[in-house]
Amino acid sequence: MKIDIVNGKNEKVGALELSDELFGGRVKTDLIWEAVVQENASERRGTHATKNRALVSGGGIKPYKQKGTGRPQVGSSRTPLWRKGGTVFGPQPRSYHFDLPKKVRRGALRAALAAKAQDGALIVVDQLTSEDRKTKSSAELLKRLGATGKTLLIDVAPEDGFAMSIRNLTGVKVVQSSRVTARDVMDTAHVIATKDALEKLQEALG
């Protein structure tokens, strides 16, 4: 499986051989789903909290005597059965983080990249640079490459000037090839990767 390599003017300057084992065949969407759910869960703050009967203010004394009133026995006015009482088994602060096996994470990223490659949404460029560090120039570069909407840019070591020039573009994100995840890939309409970055990913995921 070959994919064209283009320059900043969208002119073909070469070709890159993609492994059929990685980018061909069936896309394992179940692995992508697991990786996306895990990453979303890890970002949840988990600061929700409710007060139980021990934390609700008041209710320190018995509201009325135990016997002789004809009413049910109760030891506190903050019982969960009463208005303004505590909450039973309410949510408490917790972490939603859970780990995935390394093979699952790699398989999910491999499947996500394969899905973009098979859909024709993967673009390989020789380099991602910005000479004048201007947002306008970077926006024109993406337009020439045919990347509209949400776009993910992958490079081995993104240039600071280029990263600064695109940070004001809505829906455009730059990540290092060593830090890209399946959610990053699937959350975009187009993926633009440098030749070196894609070779690094093939080596890491192979």
N, C-alpha and C. Protein backbone atom coordinates (compact mmCIF):
# COMPACT_ATOMS: atom_id res chain seq x y z
N MET A 1 0.86 -1.19 0.00
CA MET A 1 0.00 0.00 0.00
C MET A 1 0.89 1.24 0.00
N LYS A 2 0.74 2.10 -1.01
CA LYS A 2 1.56 3.30 -1.13
C LYS A 2 0.69 4.54 -0.97
N ILE A 3 1.31 5.57 -0.42
CA ILE A 3 0.62 6.86 -0.26
C ILE A 3 1.57 7.95 -0.73
N ASP A 4 1.02 8.95 -1.41
CA ASP A 4 1.84 10.02 -1.96
C ASP A 4 2.33 10.95 -0.85
N ILE A 5 3.54 11.46 -1.06
CA ILE A 5 4.10 12.49 -0.18
C ILE A 5 4.07 13.81 -0.93
N VAL A 6 3.50 14.83 -0.32
CA VAL A 6 3.37 16.13 -0.98
C VAL A 6 4.13 17.18 -0.18
N ASN A 7 4.37 18.32 -0.83
CA ASN A 7 5.01 19.44 -0.14
C ASN A 7 3.96 20.47 0.26
N GLY A 8 4.41 21.62 0.70
CA GLY A 8 3.49 22.66 1.14
C GLY A 8 2.60 23.21 0.06
N LYS A 9 2.96 22.99 -1.21
CA LYS A 9 2.15 23.45 -2.34
C LYS A 9 1.25 22.35 -2.89
N ASN A 10 1.19 21.25 -2.15
CA ASN A 10 0.38 20.09 -2.55
C ASN A 10 0.88 19.48 -3.85
N GLU A 11 2.20 19.50 -4.04
CA GLU A 11 2.82 18.87 -5.20
C GLU A 11 3.49 17.57 -4.76
N LYS A 12 3.29 16.53 -5.53
CA LYS A 12 3.85 15.23 -5.19
C LYS A 12 5.38 15.28 -5.28
N VAL A 13 6.02 14.83 -4.19
CA VAL A 13 7.48 14.82 -4.15
C VAL A 13 8.03 13.42 -3.87
N GLY A 14 7.14 12.46 -3.73
CA GLY A 14 7.59 11.10 -3.45
C GLY A 14 6.42 10.22 -3.05
N ALA A 15 6.77 9.03 -2.55
CA ALA A 15 5.76 8.07 -2.11
C ALA A 15 6.29 7.32 -0.90
N LEU A 16 5.38 6.91 -0.05
CA LEU A 16 5.74 6.17 1.16
C LEU A 16 5.01 4.84 1.17
N GLU A 17 5.77 3.79 1.44
CA GLU A 17 5.19 2.46 1.49
C GLU A 17 4.59 2.22 2.88
N LEU A 18 3.28 1.96 2.91
CA LEU A 18 2.59 1.68 4.17
C LEU A 18 2.42 0.18 4.33
N SER A 19 2.63 -0.30 5.53
CA SER A 19 2.51 -1.72 5.80
C SER A 19 1.06 -2.16 5.66
N ASP A 20 0.83 -3.19 4.84
CA ASP A 20 -0.52 -3.73 4.69
C ASP A 20 -1.01 -4.35 6.00
N GLU A 21 -0.06 -4.82 6.81
CA GLU A 21 -0.43 -5.43 8.09
C GLU A 21 -1.01 -4.39 9.05
N LEU A 22 -0.50 -3.15 8.94
CA LEU A 22 -0.96 -2.10 9.84
C LEU A 22 -2.12 -1.31 9.27
N PHE A 23 -2.07 -1.00 7.99
CA PHE A 23 -3.05 -0.10 7.40
C PHE A 23 -4.07 -0.80 6.50
N GLY A 24 -3.92 -2.07 6.31
CA GLY A 24 -4.87 -2.81 5.49
C GLY A 24 -5.73 -3.72 6.35
N GLY A 25 -6.73 -4.32 5.73
CA GLY A 25 -7.58 -5.26 6.44
C GLY A 25 -8.68 -4.57 7.23
N ARG A 26 -9.31 -5.36 8.10
CA ARG A 26 -10.46 -4.86 8.87
C ARG A 26 -10.01 -3.91 9.98
N VAL A 27 -10.76 -2.84 10.14
CA VAL A 27 -10.48 -1.87 11.21
C VAL A 27 -11.16 -2.36 12.48
N LYS A 28 -10.39 -2.55 13.53
CA LYS A 28 -10.92 -3.06 14.79
C LYS A 28 -11.52 -1.90 15.60
N THR A 29 -12.79 -1.62 15.32
CA THR A 29 -13.46 -0.49 15.98
C THR A 29 -13.65 -0.71 17.47
N ASP A 30 -13.67 -1.97 17.90
CA ASP A 30 -13.84 -2.23 19.34
C ASP A 30 -12.64 -1.72 20.14
N LEU A 31 -11.44 -1.83 19.57
CA LEU A 31 -10.25 -1.32 20.25
C LEU A 31 -10.28 0.20 20.31
N ILE A 32 -10.72 0.83 19.22
CA ILE A 32 -10.83 2.29 19.21
C ILE A 32 -11.80 2.74 20.28
N TRP A 33 -12.93 2.07 20.38
CA TRP A 33 -13.94 2.43 21.38
C TRP A 33 -13.37 2.34 22.79
N GLU A 34 -12.67 1.25 23.09
CA GLU A 34 -12.10 1.08 24.43
C GLU A 34 -11.10 2.19 24.75
N ALA A 35 -10.26 2.55 23.78
CA ALA A 35 -9.24 3.57 24.01
C ALA A 35 -9.87 4.94 24.22
N VAL A 36 -10.91 5.25 23.45
CA VAL A 36 -11.58 6.55 23.59
C VAL A 36 -12.29 6.64 24.93
N VAL A 37 -12.97 5.60 25.33
CA VAL A 37 -13.67 5.59 26.62
C VAL A 37 -12.67 5.75 27.76
N GLN A 38 -11.54 5.05 27.67
CA GLN A 38 -10.53 5.14 28.74
C GLN A 38 -9.97 6.54 28.86
N GLU A 39 -9.68 7.19 27.73
CA GLU A 39 -9.11 8.54 27.77
C GLU A 39 -10.14 9.55 28.27
N ASN A 40 -11.40 9.40 27.86
CA ASN A 40 -12.45 10.29 28.36
C ASN A 40 -12.64 10.13 29.85
N ALA A 41 -12.62 8.89 30.32
CA ALA A 41 -12.81 8.63 31.75
C ALA A 41 -11.66 9.21 32.57
N SER A 42 -10.45 9.14 32.03
CA SER A 42 -9.29 9.64 32.78
C SER A 42 -9.33 11.15 32.95
N GLU A 43 -10.07 11.85 32.09
CA GLU A 43 -10.14 13.31 32.18
C GLU A 43 -11.30 13.78 33.05
N ARG A 44 -12.14 12.87 33.52
CA ARG A 44 -13.24 13.28 34.39
C ARG A 44 -12.68 13.73 35.74
N ARG A 45 -13.20 14.82 36.25
CA ARG A 45 -12.68 15.37 37.51
C ARG A 45 -13.17 14.56 38.71
N GLY A 46 -14.38 14.06 38.66
CA GLY A 46 -14.90 13.24 39.75
C GLY A 46 -15.04 13.97 41.06
N THR A 47 -15.41 15.26 41.01
CA THR A 47 -15.52 16.05 42.25
C THR A 47 -16.95 16.11 42.78
N HIS A 48 -17.85 15.32 42.22
CA HIS A 48 -19.23 15.32 42.70
C HIS A 48 -19.30 14.81 44.14
N ALA A 49 -20.22 15.33 44.91
CA ALA A 49 -20.34 14.91 46.31
C ALA A 49 -21.72 15.24 46.84
N THR A 50 -22.23 14.39 47.72
CA THR A 50 -23.47 14.65 48.46
C THR A 50 -23.20 14.41 49.94
N LYS A 51 -24.05 14.98 50.78
CA LYS A 51 -23.88 14.84 52.23
C LYS A 51 -24.75 13.70 52.76
N ASN A 52 -24.14 12.82 53.52
CA ASN A 52 -24.91 11.79 54.20
C ASN A 52 -25.40 12.32 55.55
N ARG A 53 -26.06 11.51 56.34
CA ARG A 53 -26.64 11.99 57.58
C ARG A 53 -25.59 12.45 58.59
N ALA A 54 -24.36 11.98 58.43
CA ALA A 54 -23.29 12.40 59.33
C ALA A 54 -22.76 13.78 58.97
N LEU A 55 -22.93 14.21 57.73
CA LEU A 55 -22.38 15.47 57.28
C LEU A 55 -23.40 16.61 57.26
N VAL A 56 -24.70 16.28 57.26
CA VAL A 56 -25.72 17.32 57.23
C VAL A 56 -25.74 18.06 58.55
N SER A 57 -25.83 19.40 58.47
CA SER A 57 -25.83 20.21 59.68
C SER A 57 -27.11 20.00 60.49
N GLY A 58 -26.97 19.94 61.82
CA GLY A 58 -28.13 19.80 62.70
C GLY A 58 -28.44 18.35 63.02
N GLY A 59 -29.58 18.17 63.70
CA GLY A 59 -30.02 16.82 64.01
C GLY A 59 -29.24 16.15 65.11
N GLY A 60 -28.66 16.92 66.01
CA GLY A 60 -27.84 16.32 67.05
C GLY A 60 -28.64 15.75 68.22
N ILE A 61 -29.88 16.15 68.35
CA ILE A 61 -30.68 15.65 69.46
C ILE A 61 -31.87 14.87 68.93
N LYS A 62 -32.41 14.05 69.80
CA LYS A 62 -33.59 13.28 69.43
C LYS A 62 -34.78 14.24 69.32
N PRO A 63 -35.51 14.25 68.18
CA PRO A 63 -36.56 15.26 67.98
C PRO A 63 -37.73 15.15 68.94
N TYR A 64 -38.06 13.94 69.39
CA TYR A 64 -39.12 13.76 70.40
C TYR A 64 -38.85 12.44 71.11
N LYS A 65 -39.57 12.23 72.20
CA LYS A 65 -39.28 11.07 73.02
C LYS A 65 -39.58 9.77 72.28
N GLN A 66 -38.97 8.73 72.80
CA GLN A 66 -39.03 7.45 72.10
C GLN A 66 -40.45 6.87 72.09
N LYS A 67 -41.16 6.94 73.20
CA LYS A 67 -42.44 6.26 73.32
C LYS A 67 -43.56 7.22 73.73
N GLY A 68 -44.76 6.80 73.50
CA GLY A 68 -45.93 7.53 73.99
C GLY A 68 -46.49 8.57 73.06
N THR A 69 -45.87 8.82 71.93
CA THR A 69 -46.38 9.86 71.02
C THR A 69 -47.23 9.27 69.89
N GLY A 70 -47.13 7.98 69.66
CA GLY A 70 -47.84 7.37 68.56
C GLY A 70 -47.14 7.56 67.22
N ARG A 71 -46.03 8.21 67.24
CA ARG A 71 -45.28 8.46 66.01
C ARG A 71 -44.14 7.45 65.90
N PRO A 72 -43.58 7.27 64.70
CA PRO A 72 -42.48 6.30 64.56
C PRO A 72 -41.24 6.75 65.32
N GLN A 73 -40.49 5.78 65.77
CA GLN A 73 -39.27 6.07 66.52
C GLN A 73 -38.22 6.67 65.58
N VAL A 74 -37.59 7.73 66.02
CA VAL A 74 -36.56 8.38 65.22
C VAL A 74 -35.53 8.99 66.14
N GLY A 75 -34.26 8.91 65.74
CA GLY A 75 -33.19 9.39 66.61
C GLY A 75 -32.58 10.71 66.15
N SER A 76 -32.89 11.17 64.93
CA SER A 76 -32.30 12.40 64.43
C SER A 76 -33.23 13.02 63.39
N SER A 77 -33.26 14.36 63.37
CA SER A 77 -34.08 15.04 62.37
C SER A 77 -33.38 15.07 61.01
N ARG A 78 -32.17 14.54 60.92
CA ARG A 78 -31.45 14.50 59.67
C ARG A 78 -31.43 13.08 59.07
N THR A 79 -32.38 12.26 59.48
CA THR A 79 -32.51 10.94 58.90
C THR A 79 -32.85 11.06 57.42
N PRO A 80 -32.37 10.18 56.58
CA PRO A 80 -32.66 10.25 55.14
C PRO A 80 -34.15 10.18 54.82
N LEU A 81 -34.96 9.73 55.77
CA LEU A 81 -36.40 9.63 55.52
C LEU A 81 -37.10 10.97 55.66
N TRP A 82 -36.43 11.94 56.21
CA TRP A 82 -37.05 13.24 56.44
C TRP A 82 -36.52 14.27 55.46
N ARG A 83 -37.32 15.32 55.27
CA ARG A 83 -36.89 16.45 54.47
C ARG A 83 -35.67 17.11 55.11
N LYS A 84 -34.72 17.54 54.30
CA LYS A 84 -33.45 18.11 54.74
C LYS A 84 -32.54 17.08 55.41
N GLY A 85 -32.86 15.81 55.22
CA GLY A 85 -32.01 14.76 55.77
C GLY A 85 -30.84 14.44 54.86
N GLY A 86 -30.02 13.50 55.27
CA GLY A 86 -28.87 13.11 54.48
C GLY A 86 -29.27 12.27 53.28
N THR A 87 -28.32 12.11 52.36
CA THR A 87 -28.54 11.32 51.15
C THR A 87 -27.95 9.92 51.34
N VAL A 88 -28.71 8.93 50.96
CA VAL A 88 -28.25 7.54 51.09
C VAL A 88 -27.52 7.12 49.83
N PHE A 89 -26.30 6.65 49.97
CA PHE A 89 -25.50 6.12 48.87
C PHE A 89 -25.37 7.13 47.71
N GLY A 90 -25.25 8.40 48.05
CA GLY A 90 -25.08 9.42 47.02
C GLY A 90 -23.68 9.41 46.44
N PRO A 91 -23.46 10.12 45.32
CA PRO A 91 -22.12 10.15 44.72
C PRO A 91 -21.10 10.82 45.62
N GLN A 92 -19.90 10.28 45.63
CA GLN A 92 -18.80 10.80 46.42
C GLN A 92 -17.59 11.00 45.51
N PRO A 93 -16.68 11.91 45.89
CA PRO A 93 -15.50 12.14 45.04
C PRO A 93 -14.75 10.84 44.75
N ARG A 94 -14.41 10.64 43.49
CA ARG A 94 -13.73 9.42 43.09
C ARG A 94 -12.97 9.66 41.79
N SER A 95 -12.07 8.79 41.49
CA SER A 95 -11.34 8.84 40.23
C SER A 95 -11.94 7.82 39.27
N TYR A 96 -12.16 8.26 38.03
CA TYR A 96 -12.73 7.37 37.02
C TYR A 96 -11.63 6.72 36.16
N HIS A 97 -10.39 7.00 36.49
CA HIS A 97 -9.29 6.49 35.68
C HIS A 97 -9.18 4.98 35.77
N PHE A 98 -8.90 4.36 34.64
CA PHE A 98 -8.57 2.94 34.61
C PHE A 98 -7.55 2.72 33.51
N ASP A 99 -6.76 1.69 33.67
CA ASP A 99 -5.66 1.42 32.73
C ASP A 99 -6.10 0.46 31.64
N LEU A 100 -5.46 0.61 30.50
CA LEU A 100 -5.63 -0.33 29.40
C LEU A 100 -4.28 -1.00 29.12
N PRO A 101 -4.30 -2.24 28.72
CA PRO A 101 -3.03 -2.89 28.34
C PRO A 101 -2.36 -2.13 27.19
N LYS A 102 -1.05 -2.16 27.19
CA LYS A 102 -0.29 -1.45 26.16
C LYS A 102 -0.66 -1.95 24.77
N LYS A 103 -0.89 -3.24 24.63
CA LYS A 103 -1.25 -3.80 23.33
C LYS A 103 -2.59 -3.26 22.83
N VAL A 104 -3.51 -3.02 23.76
CA VAL A 104 -4.82 -2.49 23.37
C VAL A 104 -4.66 -1.05 22.89
N ARG A 105 -3.87 -0.25 23.59
CA ARG A 105 -3.66 1.14 23.19
C ARG A 105 -2.98 1.22 21.82
N ARG A 106 -1.98 0.39 21.62
CA ARG A 106 -1.30 0.38 20.32
C ARG A 106 -2.24 -0.11 19.21
N GLY A 107 -3.02 -1.13 19.52
CA GLY A 107 -3.96 -1.64 18.53
C GLY A 107 -5.01 -0.62 18.17
N ALA A 108 -5.45 0.17 19.16
CA ALA A 108 -6.45 1.21 18.90
C ALA A 108 -5.88 2.30 18.00
N LEU A 109 -4.65 2.73 18.27
CA LEU A 109 -4.03 3.76 17.44
C LEU A 109 -3.79 3.22 16.03
N ARG A 110 -3.37 1.97 15.94
CA ARG A 110 -3.16 1.35 14.63
C ARG A 110 -4.47 1.30 13.84
N ALA A 111 -5.56 0.94 14.51
CA ALA A 111 -6.86 0.86 13.84
C ALA A 111 -7.37 2.25 13.44
N ALA A 112 -7.13 3.25 14.28
CA ALA A 112 -7.57 4.61 13.97
C ALA A 112 -6.85 5.16 12.75
N LEU A 113 -5.53 4.95 12.68
CA LEU A 113 -4.76 5.41 11.52
C LEU A 113 -5.17 4.65 10.26
N ALA A 114 -5.44 3.36 10.41
CA ALA A 114 -5.88 2.57 9.26
C ALA A 114 -7.22 3.06 8.73
N ALA A 115 -8.11 3.44 9.65
CA ALA A 115 -9.42 3.94 9.23
C ALA A 115 -9.29 5.22 8.44
N LYS A 116 -8.42 6.12 8.88
CA LYS A 116 -8.22 7.38 8.16
C LYS A 116 -7.55 7.13 6.81
N ALA A 117 -6.61 6.19 6.77
CA ALA A 117 -5.93 5.89 5.52
C ALA A 117 -6.90 5.30 4.50
N GLN A 118 -7.75 4.40 4.95
CA GLN A 118 -8.71 3.77 4.04
C GLN A 118 -9.78 4.74 3.59
N ASP A 119 -10.08 5.74 4.41
CA ASP A 119 -11.08 6.75 4.03
C ASP A 119 -10.50 7.87 3.17
N GLY A 120 -9.19 7.84 2.96
CA GLY A 120 -8.55 8.90 2.18
C GLY A 120 -8.38 10.20 2.94
N ALA A 121 -8.45 10.13 4.27
CA ALA A 121 -8.33 11.32 5.10
C ALA A 121 -6.93 11.49 5.69
N LEU A 122 -5.98 10.65 5.26
CA LEU A 122 -4.60 10.73 5.74
C LEU A 122 -3.74 11.38 4.66
N ILE A 123 -3.07 12.48 5.03
CA ILE A 123 -2.20 13.22 4.11
C ILE A 123 -0.78 13.19 4.66
N VAL A 124 0.17 12.84 3.80
CA VAL A 124 1.57 12.78 4.21
C VAL A 124 2.33 13.92 3.52
N VAL A 125 3.04 14.71 4.32
CA VAL A 125 3.81 15.84 3.78
C VAL A 125 5.28 15.62 4.11
N ASP A 126 6.13 16.32 3.37
CA ASP A 126 7.56 16.18 3.62
C ASP A 126 7.98 16.87 4.91
N GLN A 127 7.33 18.02 5.23
CA GLN A 127 7.63 18.72 6.47
C GLN A 127 6.51 19.70 6.79
N LEU A 128 6.42 20.05 8.06
CA LEU A 128 5.45 21.04 8.52
C LEU A 128 6.23 22.20 9.12
N THR A 129 6.30 23.29 8.37
CA THR A 129 7.07 24.44 8.83
C THR A 129 6.31 25.72 8.51
N SER A 130 6.71 26.79 9.19
CA SER A 130 6.16 28.11 8.94
C SER A 130 7.31 29.11 9.02
N GLU A 131 7.59 29.76 7.89
CA GLU A 131 8.71 30.69 7.85
C GLU A 131 8.41 32.00 8.56
N ASP A 132 7.19 32.51 8.41
CA ASP A 132 6.88 33.82 8.98
C ASP A 132 6.10 33.74 10.29
N ARG A 133 5.78 32.52 10.73
CA ARG A 133 5.05 32.33 12.00
C ARG A 133 3.71 33.08 12.02
N LYS A 134 3.05 33.15 10.88
CA LYS A 134 1.78 33.85 10.81
C LYS A 134 0.64 32.85 10.65
N THR A 135 -0.45 33.13 11.35
CA THR A 135 -1.61 32.24 11.29
C THR A 135 -2.17 32.18 9.88
N LYS A 136 -2.16 33.31 9.19
CA LYS A 136 -2.70 33.35 7.83
C LYS A 136 -1.95 32.39 6.92
N SER A 137 -0.63 32.34 7.03
CA SER A 137 0.16 31.45 6.19
C SER A 137 -0.15 29.99 6.48
N SER A 138 -0.30 29.66 7.75
CA SER A 138 -0.61 28.28 8.12
C SER A 138 -2.00 27.89 7.64
N ALA A 139 -2.95 28.82 7.72
CA ALA A 139 -4.30 28.55 7.25
C ALA A 139 -4.31 28.31 5.75
N GLU A 140 -3.51 29.07 5.01
CA GLU A 140 -3.41 28.87 3.56
C GLU A 140 -2.75 27.52 3.25
N LEU A 141 -1.78 27.11 4.06
CA LEU A 141 -1.14 25.82 3.87
C LEU A 141 -2.15 24.68 4.00
N LEU A 142 -2.96 24.74 5.04
CA LEU A 142 -3.97 23.70 5.24
C LEU A 142 -5.00 23.70 4.11
N LYS A 143 -5.33 24.88 3.63
CA LYS A 143 -6.29 24.98 2.53
C LYS A 143 -5.74 24.35 1.26
N ARG A 144 -4.45 24.58 0.99
CA ARG A 144 -3.84 23.98 -0.20
C ARG A 144 -3.80 22.46 -0.11
N LEU A 145 -3.65 21.97 1.11
CA LEU A 145 -3.60 20.53 1.30
C LEU A 145 -4.99 19.90 1.31
N GLY A 146 -6.02 20.73 1.26
CA GLY A 146 -7.38 20.21 1.23
C GLY A 146 -7.92 19.82 2.58
N ALA A 147 -7.33 20.33 3.65
CA ALA A 147 -7.77 20.01 5.00
C ALA A 147 -8.74 21.08 5.48
N THR A 148 -10.01 20.73 5.54
CA THR A 148 -11.03 21.64 6.05
C THR A 148 -11.66 21.03 7.30
N GLY A 149 -12.11 21.88 8.19
CA GLY A 149 -12.69 21.39 9.43
C GLY A 149 -11.62 21.00 10.42
N LYS A 150 -11.96 20.07 11.31
CA LYS A 150 -11.03 19.64 12.35
C LYS A 150 -9.88 18.86 11.73
N THR A 151 -8.66 19.26 12.08
CA THR A 151 -7.47 18.67 11.47
C THR A 151 -6.44 18.35 12.55
N LEU A 152 -5.83 17.20 12.44
CA LEU A 152 -4.76 16.78 13.35
C LEU A 152 -3.45 16.78 12.58
N LEU A 153 -2.45 17.49 13.14
CA LEU A 153 -1.11 17.55 12.54
C LEU A 153 -0.15 16.75 13.41
N ILE A 154 0.56 15.82 12.81
CA ILE A 154 1.48 14.95 13.55
C ILE A 154 2.89 15.15 13.02
N ASP A 155 3.81 15.40 13.94
CA ASP A 155 5.22 15.56 13.58
C ASP A 155 6.07 14.94 14.67
N VAL A 156 7.29 14.56 14.33
CA VAL A 156 8.18 13.96 15.33
C VAL A 156 8.50 14.99 16.41
N ALA A 157 8.86 16.18 16.01
CA ALA A 157 9.14 17.28 16.94
C ALA A 157 8.63 18.56 16.30
N PRO A 158 7.38 18.94 16.55
CA PRO A 158 6.80 20.13 15.90
C PRO A 158 7.63 21.38 16.17
N GLU A 159 7.83 22.17 15.14
CA GLU A 159 8.56 23.43 15.30
C GLU A 159 7.74 24.40 16.15
N ASP A 160 8.42 25.12 17.03
CA ASP A 160 7.74 26.07 17.90
C ASP A 160 7.04 27.15 17.09
N GLY A 161 7.70 27.63 16.05
CA GLY A 161 7.10 28.68 15.23
C GLY A 161 5.84 28.21 14.53
N PHE A 162 5.86 26.99 14.01
CA PHE A 162 4.67 26.48 13.34
C PHE A 162 3.54 26.23 14.33
N ALA A 163 3.89 25.69 15.50
CA ALA A 163 2.86 25.44 16.53
C ALA A 163 2.22 26.75 16.98
N MET A 164 3.02 27.80 17.08
CA MET A 164 2.47 29.10 17.47
C MET A 164 1.58 29.69 16.39
N SER A 165 1.91 29.41 15.14
CA SER A 165 1.15 30.01 14.04
C SER A 165 -0.23 29.40 13.86
N ILE A 166 -0.44 28.18 14.38
CA ILE A 166 -1.74 27.54 14.19
C ILE A 166 -2.58 27.47 15.46
N ARG A 167 -2.05 27.98 16.56
CA ARG A 167 -2.79 27.82 17.81
C ARG A 167 -4.09 28.61 17.84
N ASN A 168 -4.25 29.58 16.95
CA ASN A 168 -5.48 30.35 16.91
C ASN A 168 -6.47 29.81 15.87
N LEU A 169 -6.10 28.74 15.19
CA LEU A 169 -7.00 28.13 14.21
C LEU A 169 -7.94 27.15 14.91
N THR A 170 -9.23 27.37 14.77
CA THR A 170 -10.21 26.54 15.44
C THR A 170 -10.20 25.12 14.86
N GLY A 171 -10.14 24.14 15.75
CA GLY A 171 -10.23 22.75 15.31
C GLY A 171 -8.94 22.16 14.80
N VAL A 172 -7.83 22.89 14.89
CA VAL A 172 -6.53 22.38 14.41
C VAL A 172 -5.64 22.09 15.62
N LYS A 173 -5.04 20.92 15.62
CA LYS A 173 -4.24 20.49 16.76
C LYS A 173 -2.93 19.87 16.29
N VAL A 174 -1.84 20.17 16.98
CA VAL A 174 -0.53 19.60 16.66
C VAL A 174 -0.08 18.72 17.81
N VAL A 175 0.35 17.51 17.50
CA VAL A 175 0.85 16.59 18.52
C VAL A 175 2.12 15.92 18.03
N GLN A 176 2.93 15.49 18.98
CA GLN A 176 4.11 14.71 18.65
C GLN A 176 3.70 13.28 18.30
N SER A 177 4.47 12.66 17.44
CA SER A 177 4.14 11.30 17.03
C SER A 177 4.21 10.33 18.20
N SER A 178 5.02 10.63 19.21
CA SER A 178 5.14 9.75 20.36
C SER A 178 4.02 9.94 21.37
N ARG A 179 3.17 10.96 21.19
CA ARG A 179 2.11 11.25 22.15
C ARG A 179 0.72 11.19 21.53
N VAL A 180 0.61 10.86 20.28
CA VAL A 180 -0.70 10.82 19.63
C VAL A 180 -1.48 9.61 20.13
N THR A 181 -2.80 9.78 20.24
CA THR A 181 -3.66 8.70 20.72
C THR A 181 -4.76 8.42 19.70
N ALA A 182 -5.46 7.33 19.91
CA ALA A 182 -6.55 6.97 19.00
C ALA A 182 -7.65 8.02 19.03
N ARG A 183 -7.90 8.61 20.19
CA ARG A 183 -8.94 9.64 20.27
C ARG A 183 -8.55 10.87 19.48
N ASP A 184 -7.28 11.24 19.51
CA ASP A 184 -6.82 12.38 18.71
C ASP A 184 -7.11 12.15 17.23
N VAL A 185 -6.85 10.94 16.77
CA VAL A 185 -7.02 10.63 15.34
C VAL A 185 -8.49 10.61 14.96
N MET A 186 -9.32 9.97 15.79
CA MET A 186 -10.73 9.80 15.43
C MET A 186 -11.54 11.08 15.63
N ASP A 187 -11.00 12.04 16.36
CA ASP A 187 -11.75 13.27 16.65
C ASP A 187 -11.51 14.33 15.59
N THR A 188 -11.00 13.96 14.43
CA THR A 188 -10.69 14.92 13.38
C THR A 188 -11.21 14.42 12.03
N ALA A 189 -11.39 15.36 11.12
CA ALA A 189 -11.81 15.01 9.76
C ALA A 189 -10.62 14.66 8.89
N HIS A 190 -9.47 15.27 9.16
CA HIS A 190 -8.26 15.04 8.36
C HIS A 190 -7.07 14.86 9.28
N VAL A 191 -6.17 14.01 8.88
CA VAL A 191 -4.91 13.79 9.60
C VAL A 191 -3.77 14.09 8.64
N ILE A 192 -2.91 15.04 9.02
CA ILE A 192 -1.74 15.40 8.21
C ILE A 192 -0.50 15.01 9.02
N ALA A 193 0.30 14.13 8.48
CA ALA A 193 1.49 13.65 9.18
C ALA A 193 2.71 13.84 8.29
N THR A 194 3.82 14.15 8.92
CA THR A 194 5.07 14.22 8.16
C THR A 194 5.56 12.81 7.84
N LYS A 195 6.40 12.72 6.85
CA LYS A 195 6.95 11.41 6.44
C LYS A 195 7.69 10.77 7.61
N ASP A 196 8.51 11.55 8.32
CA ASP A 196 9.27 11.01 9.44
C ASP A 196 8.35 10.53 10.56
N ALA A 197 7.28 11.29 10.82
CA ALA A 197 6.37 10.91 11.90
C ALA A 197 5.66 9.61 11.58
N LEU A 198 5.22 9.45 10.33
CA LEU A 198 4.50 8.24 9.95
C LEU A 198 5.44 7.03 9.98
N GLU A 199 6.69 7.23 9.61
CA GLU A 199 7.65 6.13 9.69
C GLU A 199 7.90 5.74 11.14
N LYS A 200 7.98 6.73 12.02
CA LYS A 200 8.14 6.44 13.45
C LYS A 200 6.96 5.66 13.99
N LEU A 201 5.75 6.07 13.58
CA LEU A 201 4.54 5.38 14.05
C LEU A 201 4.51 3.94 13.52
N GLN A 202 4.87 3.75 12.27
CA GLN A 202 4.90 2.39 11.71
C GLN A 202 5.87 1.51 12.48
N GLU A 203 7.02 2.09 12.83
CA GLU A 203 8.02 1.32 13.58
C GLU A 203 7.53 0.99 14.98
N ALA A 204 6.84 1.94 15.62
CA ALA A 204 6.37 1.72 16.98
C ALA A 204 5.18 0.77 17.05
N LEU A 205 4.33 0.81 16.03
CA LEU A 205 3.10 0.01 16.05
C LEU A 205 3.27 -1.34 15.37
N GLY A 206 4.39 -1.55 14.73
CA GLY A 206 4.58 -2.79 14.00
C GLY A 206 4.81 -3.99 14.90
